[in-house]
Amino acid sequence: MFFYTLMSKKVKCPDPNCDPENTQSIIIPDDAVVGDILECPVCGAEMEIISTDPPQVALLEEEK
């Protein structure tokens, strides 16, 4: 019998205004793809997945 366990990837919030005491990691789901949007559970900042291997996110800038 073969078992396969998916490992979630984690990143830190890229928002410089996020709480410096924030020790929570943002979990990138196993089925995430480049372009998906995630939200920081602490500060609410939205970020886009720019790479899944290695896991990288970029802060989304608000349009003016």
Protein backbone atom coordinates (compact mmCIF):
# COMPACT_ATOMS: atom_id res chain seq x y z
CA MET A 1 0.00 0.00 0.00
CA PHE A 2 1.29 3.48 -0.92
CA PHE A 3 0.65 6.58 1.18
CA TYR A 4 1.41 10.09 0.00
CA THR A 5 1.30 13.01 2.41
CA LEU A 6 1.13 16.53 1.03
CA MET A 7 3.13 19.09 2.95
CA SER A 8 1.78 22.62 3.18
CA LYS A 9 4.22 25.41 2.52
CA LYS A 10 4.46 28.47 4.74
CA VAL A 11 5.58 32.07 4.22
CA LYS A 12 5.77 35.18 6.39
CA CYS A 13 3.62 38.27 5.74
CA PRO A 14 5.47 40.62 3.34
CA ASP A 15 3.64 43.72 4.63
CA PRO A 16 6.11 45.97 6.49
CA ASN A 17 3.19 47.35 8.53
CA CYS A 18 2.26 43.92 9.85
CA ASP A 19 2.69 43.41 13.58
CA PRO A 20 6.44 42.83 14.16
CA GLU A 21 5.50 40.33 16.87
CA ASN A 22 3.57 38.28 14.27
CA THR A 23 4.96 34.77 14.51
CA GLN A 24 2.17 33.16 12.49
CA SER A 25 3.02 31.83 9.07
CA ILE A 26 0.68 32.06 6.13
CA ILE A 27 -0.04 28.60 4.83
CA ILE A 28 0.02 28.11 1.08
CA PRO A 29 -2.45 25.31 0.32
CA ASP A 30 -1.13 22.23 -1.47
CA ASP A 31 -3.40 22.91 -4.47
CA ALA A 32 -2.41 26.60 -4.77
CA VAL A 33 -1.19 27.94 -8.09
CA VAL A 34 0.72 31.05 -9.10
CA GLY A 35 -1.69 33.99 -9.12
CA ASP A 36 -3.83 32.82 -6.19
CA ILE A 37 -4.56 35.46 -3.54
CA LEU A 38 -3.95 34.88 0.18
CA GLU A 39 -4.70 37.04 3.22
CA CYS A 40 -2.59 37.54 6.32
CA PRO A 41 -4.60 36.34 9.35
CA VAL A 42 -3.01 39.04 11.54
CA CYS A 43 -3.07 42.27 9.52
CA GLY A 44 -5.43 41.37 6.66
CA ALA A 45 -2.92 42.27 3.93
CA GLU A 46 -3.59 40.57 0.61
CA MET A 47 -0.76 38.91 -1.26
CA GLU A 48 -0.38 37.03 -4.51
CA ILE A 49 1.45 33.76 -4.89
CA ILE A 50 4.32 34.39 -7.31
CA SER A 51 6.03 31.02 -6.88
CA THR A 52 5.07 27.72 -5.30
CA ASP A 53 8.53 26.12 -5.32
CA PRO A 54 10.12 27.81 -3.49
CA PRO A 55 7.05 29.40 -1.91
CA GLN A 56 7.02 33.17 -2.48
CA VAL A 57 4.34 35.84 -2.22
CA ALA A 58 4.17 39.50 -3.19
CA LEU A 59 2.11 42.14 -1.41
CA LEU A 60 -0.80 43.39 -3.52
CA GLU A 61 -0.84 47.17 -3.80
CA GLU A 62 -4.20 48.94 -3.58
CA GLU A 63 -5.20 50.81 -6.71
CA LYS A 64 -5.72 54.54 -6.21
